[in-house]
């Protein structure tokens, strides 16, 4: 699943998570119509993906990390 997701051009990142979901896949598209198409026609057809739930990011504010890379 991971390899197929990473081979999808619209996928920008994949995170393994705890809780209700197994992974969060970030996808970037130009509009909601394209997003719908990607989720239904590409991601939803990957063998092993049972279901999806879509969240749309309305606004994002990044903050600098308190940890420095050494």
N, C-alpha and C. Protein backbone atom coordinates (compact mmCIF):
# COMPACT_ATOMS: atom_id res chain seq x y z
N UNK A 1 0.84 -1.19 0.00
CA UNK A 1 0.00 0.00 0.00
C UNK A 1 0.88 1.25 0.00
N UNK A 2 1.89 1.24 0.86
CA UNK A 2 2.77 2.41 0.97
C UNK A 2 3.42 2.75 -0.37
N UNK A 3 3.95 1.75 -1.07
CA UNK A 3 4.60 1.99 -2.36
C UNK A 3 3.62 2.56 -3.38
N UNK A 4 2.41 2.01 -3.41
CA UNK A 4 1.42 2.50 -4.37
C UNK A 4 0.98 3.92 -4.03
N UNK A 5 0.84 4.21 -2.76
CA UNK A 5 0.49 5.58 -2.37
C UNK A 5 1.59 6.56 -2.77
N UNK A 6 2.84 6.18 -2.50
CA UNK A 6 3.96 7.07 -2.84
C UNK A 6 4.14 7.23 -4.34
N UNK A 7 3.65 6.27 -5.12
CA UNK A 7 3.73 6.36 -6.57
C UNK A 7 2.63 7.25 -7.15
N UNK A 8 1.70 7.67 -6.31
CA UNK A 8 0.62 8.55 -6.75
C UNK A 8 1.12 10.00 -6.68
N UNK A 9 1.21 10.70 -7.81
CA UNK A 9 1.82 12.03 -7.84
C UNK A 9 1.18 13.04 -6.88
N UNK A 10 -0.10 12.93 -6.63
CA UNK A 10 -0.79 13.90 -5.78
C UNK A 10 -0.53 13.69 -4.29
N UNK A 11 0.00 12.53 -3.92
CA UNK A 11 0.30 12.25 -2.51
C UNK A 11 1.57 13.00 -2.13
N UNK A 12 1.48 13.81 -1.06
CA UNK A 12 2.63 14.59 -0.63
C UNK A 12 3.32 14.01 0.60
N UNK A 13 2.57 13.23 1.41
CA UNK A 13 3.18 12.58 2.57
C UNK A 13 2.24 11.51 3.12
N UNK A 14 2.85 10.59 3.87
CA UNK A 14 2.10 9.52 4.52
C UNK A 14 2.59 9.45 5.97
N UNK A 15 1.66 9.40 6.90
CA UNK A 15 2.01 9.29 8.31
C UNK A 15 1.30 8.10 8.93
N UNK A 16 2.05 7.24 9.61
CA UNK A 16 1.42 6.19 10.42
C UNK A 16 0.98 6.85 11.71
N UNK A 17 -0.25 6.54 12.15
CA UNK A 17 -0.81 7.21 13.32
C UNK A 17 -1.44 6.20 14.27
N UNK A 18 -1.65 6.63 15.49
CA UNK A 18 -2.37 5.82 16.46
C UNK A 18 -3.83 6.26 16.47
N UNK A 19 -4.68 5.44 17.06
CA UNK A 19 -6.08 5.81 17.19
C UNK A 19 -6.95 5.16 16.14
N UNK A 20 -7.97 5.85 15.75
CA UNK A 20 -9.02 5.32 14.88
C UNK A 20 -8.51 4.96 13.48
N UNK A 21 -7.53 5.67 12.99
CA UNK A 21 -7.01 5.46 11.64
C UNK A 21 -5.65 4.77 11.70
N UNK A 22 -5.27 4.13 10.59
CA UNK A 22 -3.95 3.51 10.49
C UNK A 22 -2.92 4.47 9.91
N UNK A 23 -3.34 5.21 8.89
CA UNK A 23 -2.44 6.17 8.25
C UNK A 23 -3.21 7.43 7.88
N UNK A 24 -2.47 8.51 7.76
CA UNK A 24 -2.99 9.76 7.20
C UNK A 24 -2.18 10.03 5.94
N UNK A 25 -2.87 10.22 4.84
CA UNK A 25 -2.24 10.49 3.56
C UNK A 25 -2.57 11.92 3.17
N UNK A 26 -1.55 12.75 3.02
CA UNK A 26 -1.77 14.12 2.57
C UNK A 26 -1.73 14.14 1.04
N UNK A 27 -2.75 14.76 0.48
CA UNK A 27 -2.90 14.83 -0.97
C UNK A 27 -3.08 16.29 -1.35
N UNK A 28 -2.42 16.71 -2.42
CA UNK A 28 -2.58 18.09 -2.88
C UNK A 28 -3.17 18.07 -4.29
N UNK A 29 -4.31 18.75 -4.45
CA UNK A 29 -4.96 18.86 -5.75
C UNK A 29 -5.38 20.30 -5.98
N UNK A 30 -5.73 20.61 -7.23
CA UNK A 30 -6.08 22.00 -7.54
C UNK A 30 -7.50 22.36 -7.13
N UNK A 31 -8.38 21.37 -6.94
CA UNK A 31 -9.74 21.67 -6.50
C UNK A 31 -10.40 20.41 -5.93
N UNK A 32 -11.60 20.57 -5.39
CA UNK A 32 -12.29 19.46 -4.76
C UNK A 32 -12.72 18.39 -5.74
N UNK A 33 -13.02 18.77 -6.96
CA UNK A 33 -13.40 17.80 -7.98
C UNK A 33 -12.24 16.84 -8.27
N UNK A 34 -11.05 17.37 -8.38
CA UNK A 34 -9.87 16.54 -8.62
C UNK A 34 -9.59 15.68 -7.38
N UNK A 35 -9.74 16.26 -6.20
CA UNK A 35 -9.56 15.49 -4.96
C UNK A 35 -10.50 14.29 -4.94
N UNK A 36 -11.76 14.52 -5.24
CA UNK A 36 -12.74 13.43 -5.28
C UNK A 36 -12.30 12.34 -6.25
N UNK A 37 -11.85 12.73 -7.41
CA UNK A 37 -11.40 11.78 -8.42
C UNK A 37 -10.20 10.97 -7.93
N UNK A 38 -9.24 11.62 -7.30
CA UNK A 38 -8.04 10.94 -6.78
C UNK A 38 -8.44 9.92 -5.72
N UNK A 39 -9.28 10.33 -4.79
CA UNK A 39 -9.68 9.43 -3.70
C UNK A 39 -10.45 8.23 -4.23
N UNK A 40 -11.38 8.45 -5.15
CA UNK A 40 -12.22 7.37 -5.66
C UNK A 40 -11.48 6.51 -6.69
N UNK A 41 -10.85 7.15 -7.66
CA UNK A 41 -10.28 6.42 -8.79
C UNK A 41 -8.87 5.88 -8.56
N UNK A 42 -8.11 6.51 -7.68
CA UNK A 42 -6.74 6.04 -7.44
C UNK A 42 -6.59 5.40 -6.07
N UNK A 43 -6.75 6.18 -5.02
CA UNK A 43 -6.48 5.68 -3.67
C UNK A 43 -7.44 4.57 -3.27
N UNK A 44 -8.71 4.76 -3.55
CA UNK A 44 -9.72 3.78 -3.16
C UNK A 44 -9.60 2.46 -3.89
N UNK A 45 -8.87 2.42 -4.99
CA UNK A 45 -8.71 1.19 -5.76
C UNK A 45 -7.42 0.44 -5.44
N UNK A 46 -6.63 0.96 -4.52
CA UNK A 46 -5.41 0.27 -4.11
C UNK A 46 -5.79 -0.93 -3.27
N UNK A 47 -5.29 -2.11 -3.67
CA UNK A 47 -5.60 -3.34 -2.96
C UNK A 47 -5.14 -3.24 -1.51
N UNK A 48 -6.04 -3.49 -0.59
CA UNK A 48 -5.73 -3.42 0.83
C UNK A 48 -6.35 -2.22 1.52
N UNK A 49 -6.73 -1.20 0.76
CA UNK A 49 -7.42 -0.06 1.35
C UNK A 49 -8.90 -0.41 1.42
N UNK A 50 -9.40 -0.45 2.64
CA UNK A 50 -10.79 -0.87 2.86
C UNK A 50 -11.74 0.32 2.79
N UNK A 51 -11.37 1.43 3.41
CA UNK A 51 -12.19 2.63 3.32
C UNK A 51 -11.33 3.86 3.52
N UNK A 52 -11.89 5.00 3.18
CA UNK A 52 -11.20 6.28 3.34
C UNK A 52 -12.14 7.28 3.99
N UNK A 53 -11.55 8.27 4.60
CA UNK A 53 -12.31 9.40 5.13
C UNK A 53 -11.51 10.65 4.77
N UNK A 54 -12.16 11.62 4.20
CA UNK A 54 -11.48 12.80 3.69
C UNK A 54 -11.70 14.01 4.60
N UNK A 55 -10.61 14.69 4.90
CA UNK A 55 -10.65 15.93 5.64
C UNK A 55 -10.02 17.01 4.76
N UNK A 56 -10.64 18.17 4.69
CA UNK A 56 -10.11 19.26 3.88
C UNK A 56 -9.51 20.31 4.82
N UNK A 57 -8.24 20.61 4.60
CA UNK A 57 -7.55 21.61 5.41
C UNK A 57 -7.96 22.99 4.93
N UNK A 58 -8.58 23.76 5.80
CA UNK A 58 -9.05 25.09 5.43
C UNK A 58 -7.98 26.15 5.65
N UNK A 59 -7.20 25.98 6.70
CA UNK A 59 -6.16 26.96 7.01
C UNK A 59 -5.06 26.25 7.78
N UNK A 60 -3.84 26.67 7.57
CA UNK A 60 -2.70 26.05 8.25
C UNK A 60 -1.75 27.13 8.74
N UNK A 61 -1.30 26.99 9.97
CA UNK A 61 -0.30 27.88 10.54
C UNK A 61 0.84 27.02 11.05
N UNK A 62 2.02 27.18 10.49
CA UNK A 62 3.19 26.43 10.93
C UNK A 62 3.94 27.21 11.99
N UNK A 63 4.53 26.48 12.89
CA UNK A 63 5.32 27.07 13.95
C UNK A 63 6.70 26.42 13.91
N UNK A 64 7.74 27.20 14.15
CA UNK A 64 9.09 26.63 14.17
C UNK A 64 9.21 25.59 15.28
N UNK A 65 9.95 24.54 15.00
CA UNK A 65 10.15 23.46 15.95
C UNK A 65 11.00 23.94 17.12
N UNK A 66 10.67 23.44 18.33
CA UNK A 66 11.49 23.78 19.50
C UNK A 66 12.73 22.91 19.57
N UNK A 67 12.78 21.87 18.73
CA UNK A 67 13.93 20.98 18.69
C UNK A 67 14.85 21.38 17.56
N UNK A 68 16.12 21.46 17.85
CA UNK A 68 17.06 21.79 16.78
C UNK A 68 17.69 20.53 16.24
N UNK A 69 17.97 20.54 14.96
CA UNK A 69 18.60 19.40 14.32
C UNK A 69 20.10 19.55 14.45
N UNK A 70 20.76 18.52 14.96
CA UNK A 70 22.20 18.58 15.17
C UNK A 70 22.89 17.73 14.16
